[in-house]
């Protein structure tokens, strides 16, 4: 069976990595939304799981999370890390893989970055530059 390597064709990894990552993402989102983790920090926050990236050997899942409203991200990551063993077991029960992947949690800061770029584009200096570029090209 051919080995799939990350390439321009599949920037997030092979089709299998993407498929398994999406399955893990669904399982993790379900576990969190149904309140299966008995942790005061997690019970006090709605946590979304926008993405899960799997390593090429499928033995490590990097789970990107974002508490609703972007509040208390460090506390939420710490609570997830504290409950990692339980969460890994729950994911293993729900996802049919030969081995339960190790899991690690990261804050999904793509929205913050998009907002930062949007604010930058609205600054007077950038607006002036954009206007100058469009006048030159006419």
C-alpha atoms as a PDB file:
ATOM      1  CA  UNK A   1       0.000   0.000   0.000  1.00  0.00           C
ATOM      2  CA  UNK A   2       1.513   3.379  -0.962  1.00  0.00           C
ATOM      3  CA  UNK A   3       2.462   5.768   1.822  1.00  0.00           C
ATOM      4  CA  UNK A   4       0.850   9.178   1.610  1.00  0.00           C
ATOM      5  CA  UNK A   5       2.993  12.168   2.385  1.00  0.00           C
ATOM      6  CA  UNK A   6       1.834  15.680   3.081  1.00  0.00           C
ATOM      7  CA  UNK A   7       1.916  17.546  -0.203  1.00  0.00           C
ATOM      8  CA  UNK A   8       0.523  20.585  -1.939  1.00  0.00           C
ATOM      9  CA  UNK A   9      -2.344  18.364  -3.080  1.00  0.00           C
ATOM     10  CA  UNK A  10      -3.298  17.589   0.538  1.00  0.00           C
ATOM     11  CA  UNK A  11      -2.092  20.493   2.720  1.00  0.00           C
ATOM     12  CA  UNK A  12      -3.681  18.979   5.852  1.00  0.00           C
ATOM     13  CA  UNK A  13      -2.194  15.547   5.219  1.00  0.00           C
ATOM     14  CA  UNK A  14      -3.370  12.435   3.425  1.00  0.00           C
ATOM     15  CA  UNK A  15      -7.033  11.689   2.851  1.00  0.00           C
ATOM     16  CA  UNK A  16      -6.805   9.116   5.651  1.00  0.00           C
ATOM     17  CA  UNK A  17      -5.315  11.681   8.074  1.00  0.00           C
ATOM     18  CA  UNK A  18      -8.068  14.145   7.182  1.00  0.00           C
ATOM     19  CA  UNK A  19     -10.808  11.516   7.539  1.00  0.00           C
ATOM     20  CA  UNK A  20      -9.524  10.219  10.896  1.00  0.00           C
ATOM     21  CA  UNK A  21      -8.993  13.793  12.129  1.00  0.00           C
ATOM     22  CA  UNK A  22     -12.579  14.661  11.273  1.00  0.00           C
ATOM     23  CA  UNK A  23     -13.842  11.510  13.042  1.00  0.00           C
ATOM     24  CA  UNK A  24     -11.821  12.384  16.161  1.00  0.00           C
ATOM     25  CA  UNK A  25     -13.103  15.978  15.951  1.00  0.00           C
ATOM     26  CA  UNK A  26     -16.730  14.761  15.910  1.00  0.00           C
ATOM     27  CA  UNK A  27     -16.101  12.408  18.843  1.00  0.00           C
ATOM     28  CA  UNK A  28     -14.382  15.132  20.874  1.00  0.00           C
ATOM     29  CA  UNK A  29     -17.127  17.679  20.129  1.00  0.00           C
ATOM     30  CA  UNK A  30     -19.771  15.140  21.164  1.00  0.00           C
ATOM     31  CA  UNK A  31     -17.958  14.281  24.417  1.00  0.00           C
ATOM     32  CA  UNK A  32     -17.684  17.968  25.346  1.00  0.00           C
ATOM     33  CA  UNK A  33     -21.193  18.987  24.282  1.00  0.00           C
ATOM     34  CA  UNK A  34     -22.826  16.111  26.197  1.00  0.00           C
ATOM     35  CA  UNK A  35     -21.016  17.023  29.410  1.00  0.00           C
ATOM     36  CA  UNK A  36     -19.227  13.683  29.830  1.00  0.00           C
ATOM     37  CA  UNK A  37     -16.195  15.387  31.402  1.00  0.00           C
ATOM     38  CA  UNK A  38     -16.895  16.236  35.019  1.00  0.00           C
ATOM     39  CA  UNK A  39     -14.645  19.252  35.419  1.00  0.00           C
ATOM     40  CA  UNK A  40     -15.858  22.607  36.773  1.00  0.00           C
ATOM     41  CA  UNK A  41     -13.875  24.614  34.201  1.00  0.00           C
ATOM     42  CA  UNK A  42     -15.190  22.595  31.251  1.00  0.00           C
ATOM     43  CA  UNK A  43     -18.723  22.558  32.652  1.00  0.00           C
ATOM     44  CA  UNK A  44     -18.620  26.372  32.823  1.00  0.00           C
ATOM     45  CA  UNK A  45     -17.589  26.829  29.161  1.00  0.00           C
ATOM     46  CA  UNK A  46     -18.972  25.952  25.759  1.00  0.00           C
ATOM     47  CA  UNK A  47     -15.918  24.629  23.912  1.00  0.00           C
ATOM     48  CA  UNK A  48     -15.867  24.251  20.141  1.00  0.00           C
ATOM     49  CA  UNK A  49     -13.526  21.894  18.300  1.00  0.00           C
ATOM     50  CA  UNK A  50     -12.901  23.471  14.883  1.00  0.00           C
ATOM     51  CA  UNK A  51     -10.120  21.118  13.793  1.00  0.00           C
ATOM     52  CA  UNK A  52      -8.125  17.999  14.646  1.00  0.00           C
ATOM     53  CA  UNK A  53      -4.837  17.314  12.874  1.00  0.00           C
ATOM     54  CA  UNK A  54      -3.507  13.783  12.851  1.00  0.00           C
ATOM     55  CA  UNK A  55       0.158  12.871  12.545  1.00  0.00           C
ATOM     56  CA  UNK A  56       1.019  10.805   9.433  1.00  0.00           C
ATOM     57  CA  UNK A  57       1.144   7.580  11.526  1.00  0.00           C
ATOM     58  CA  UNK A  58      -2.202   8.506  13.193  1.00  0.00           C
ATOM     59  CA  UNK A  59      -0.642   8.120  16.654  1.00  0.00           C
ATOM     60  CA  UNK A  60      -0.961  11.787  17.658  1.00  0.00           C
ATOM     61  CA  UNK A  61      -4.054  13.947  17.430  1.00  0.00           C
ATOM     62  CA  UNK A  62      -3.613  17.681  17.864  1.00  0.00           C
ATOM     63  CA  UNK A  63      -7.019  18.922  18.912  1.00  0.00           C
ATOM     64  CA  UNK A  64      -7.688  22.612  18.326  1.00  0.00           C
ATOM     65  CA  UNK A  65     -10.269  24.074  20.689  1.00  0.00           C
ATOM     66  CA  UNK A  66     -11.828  27.452  21.313  1.00  0.00           C
ATOM     67  CA  UNK A  67     -13.994  28.358  24.301  1.00  0.00           C
ATOM     68  CA  UNK A  68     -17.022  30.312  23.148  1.00  0.00           C
ATOM     69  CA  UNK A  69     -16.233  33.999  23.358  1.00  0.00           C
ATOM     70  CA  UNK A  70     -12.514  33.221  23.527  1.00  0.00           C
ATOM     71  CA  UNK A  71     -12.503  33.537  27.331  1.00  0.00           C
ATOM     72  CA  UNK A  72     -10.272  31.598  29.749  1.00  0.00           C
ATOM     73  CA  UNK A  73      -8.364  29.752  27.027  1.00  0.00           C
ATOM     74  CA  UNK A  74      -5.473  28.809  29.348  1.00  0.00           C
ATOM     75  CA  UNK A  75      -7.836  27.441  32.003  1.00  0.00           C
ATOM     76  CA  UNK A  76      -9.757  25.417  29.408  1.00  0.00           C
ATOM     77  CA  UNK A  77      -6.549  23.936  27.920  1.00  0.00           C
ATOM     78  CA  UNK A  78      -5.324  23.089  31.449  1.00  0.00           C
ATOM     79  CA  UNK A  79      -8.658  21.375  32.241  1.00  0.00           C
ATOM     80  CA  UNK A  80      -8.509  19.378  28.999  1.00  0.00           C
ATOM     81  CA  UNK A  81      -4.910  18.359  29.734  1.00  0.00           C
ATOM     82  CA  UNK A  82      -5.930  17.352  33.270  1.00  0.00           C
ATOM     83  CA  UNK A  83      -8.665  15.095  31.811  1.00  0.00           C
ATOM     84  CA  UNK A  84      -6.519  13.794  28.932  1.00  0.00           C
ATOM     85  CA  UNK A  85      -6.572  10.130  30.023  1.00  0.00           C
ATOM     86  CA  UNK A  86     -10.362  10.059  30.276  1.00  0.00           C
ATOM     87  CA  UNK A  87     -10.767  11.920  26.963  1.00  0.00           C
ATOM     88  CA  UNK A  88      -8.338   9.624  25.156  1.00  0.00           C
ATOM     89  CA  UNK A  89     -10.286   6.600  26.408  1.00  0.00           C
ATOM     90  CA  UNK A  90     -13.592   8.107  25.298  1.00  0.00           C
ATOM     91  CA  UNK A  91     -12.194   8.932  21.859  1.00  0.00           C
ATOM     92  CA  UNK A  92     -10.801   5.374  21.561  1.00  0.00           C
ATOM     93  CA  UNK A  93     -14.251   3.940  22.351  1.00  0.00           C
ATOM     94  CA  UNK A  94     -15.908   6.070  19.667  1.00  0.00           C
ATOM     95  CA  UNK A  95     -13.276   5.976  16.911  1.00  0.00           C
ATOM     96  CA  UNK A  96     -12.401   2.625  15.400  1.00  0.00           C
ATOM     97  CA  UNK A  97      -8.600   2.721  15.204  1.00  0.00           C
ATOM     98  CA  UNK A  98      -5.984   0.064  15.902  1.00  0.00           C
ATOM     99  CA  UNK A  99      -4.383   2.333  18.536  1.00  0.00           C
ATOM    100  CA  UNK A 100      -5.905   5.198  20.491  1.00  0.00           C
ATOM    101  CA  UNK A 101      -3.934   8.269  19.445  1.00  0.00           C
ATOM    102  CA  UNK A 102      -2.105  10.382  21.984  1.00  0.00           C
ATOM    103  CA  UNK A 103      -3.900  13.681  22.204  1.00  0.00           C
ATOM    104  CA  UNK A 104      -2.714  17.219  22.771  1.00  0.00           C
ATOM    105  CA  UNK A 105      -4.721  20.381  22.942  1.00  0.00           C
ATOM    106  CA  UNK A 106      -4.029  23.722  21.301  1.00  0.00           C
ATOM    107  CA  UNK A 107      -5.995  26.958  21.219  1.00  0.00           C
ATOM    108  CA  UNK A 108      -7.420  27.648  17.779  1.00  0.00           C
ATOM    109  CA  UNK A 109      -6.333  31.239  17.262  1.00  0.00           C
ATOM    110  CA  UNK A 110      -7.198  31.534  13.571  1.00  0.00           C
ATOM    111  CA  UNK A 111     -10.139  33.806  14.394  1.00  0.00           C
ATOM    112  CA  UNK A 112      -7.892  36.142  16.402  1.00  0.00           C
ATOM    113  CA  UNK A 113      -5.441  36.282  13.499  1.00  0.00           C
ATOM    114  CA  UNK A 114      -8.219  37.009  10.979  1.00  0.00           C
ATOM    115  CA  UNK A 115      -9.541  39.784  13.218  1.00  0.00           C
ATOM    116  CA  UNK A 116      -6.032  41.256  13.582  1.00  0.00           C
ATOM    117  CA  UNK A 117      -5.582  41.316   9.787  1.00  0.00           C
ATOM    118  CA  UNK A 118      -9.043  42.845   9.312  1.00  0.00           C
ATOM    119  CA  UNK A 119      -8.214  45.654  11.774  1.00  0.00           C
ATOM    120  CA  UNK A 120      -4.882  46.215  10.033  1.00  0.00           C
ATOM    121  CA  UNK A 121      -6.605  46.518   6.650  1.00  0.00           C
ATOM    122  CA  UNK A 122      -8.907  49.201   8.075  1.00  0.00           C
ATOM    123  CA  UNK A 123      -6.071  51.432   9.355  1.00  0.00           C
ATOM    124  CA  UNK A 124      -5.752  54.802   7.546  1.00  0.00           C
ATOM    125  CA  UNK A 125      -2.181  54.077   6.352  1.00  0.00           C
ATOM    126  CA  UNK A 126      -3.170  50.786   4.711  1.00  0.00           C
ATOM    127  CA  UNK A 127      -6.328  52.318   3.229  1.00  0.00           C
ATOM    128  CA  UNK A 128      -4.214  55.121   1.733  1.00  0.00           C
ATOM    129  CA  UNK A 129      -1.746  52.593   0.275  1.00  0.00           C
ATOM    130  CA  UNK A 130      -4.549  50.476  -1.168  1.00  0.00           C
ATOM    131  CA  UNK A 131      -6.146  53.560  -2.724  1.00  0.00           C
ATOM    132  CA  UNK A 132      -2.762  54.614  -4.217  1.00  0.00           C
ATOM    133  CA  UNK A 133      -2.244  51.107  -5.683  1.00  0.00           C
ATOM    134  CA  UNK A 134      -5.681  51.090  -7.315  1.00  0.00           C
ATOM    135  CA  UNK A 135      -5.129  54.581  -8.806  1.00  0.00           C
ATOM    136  CA  UNK A 136      -1.775  53.497 -10.284  1.00  0.00           C
ATOM    137  CA  UNK A 137      -3.271  50.443 -11.937  1.00  0.00           C
ATOM    138  CA  UNK A 138      -6.014  52.432 -13.693  1.00  0.00           C
END
